[in-house]
């Protein structure tokens, strides 16, 4: 399946692109467009997770700090296993 991309023009402060440019320089993204897209997608996923946590807490109450710490450790392990040379899809 061919996915069509849309070309847009945006204006942002140069500092807002520093991390995306660093991703390109380090080879974690092939170009600035891919790096920005990756960061936008990550933010979308983070927002979905925040919403899921809020729904859980609304129904079952607050998530204990011990469980939050466990989740942080597990996510850190997953991130450390990732390879910067392997492009995300």
Foldseek 3Di string as FASTA:
>chain_A
DDDDDDDDDDDDDPVVQVVLVVLCVVQLAVDSVRSVVVVVVVVVVVVVVVVVQVVCCVVPNHDDPVVVVVVVVVVVVVVVPDDSNDHDD
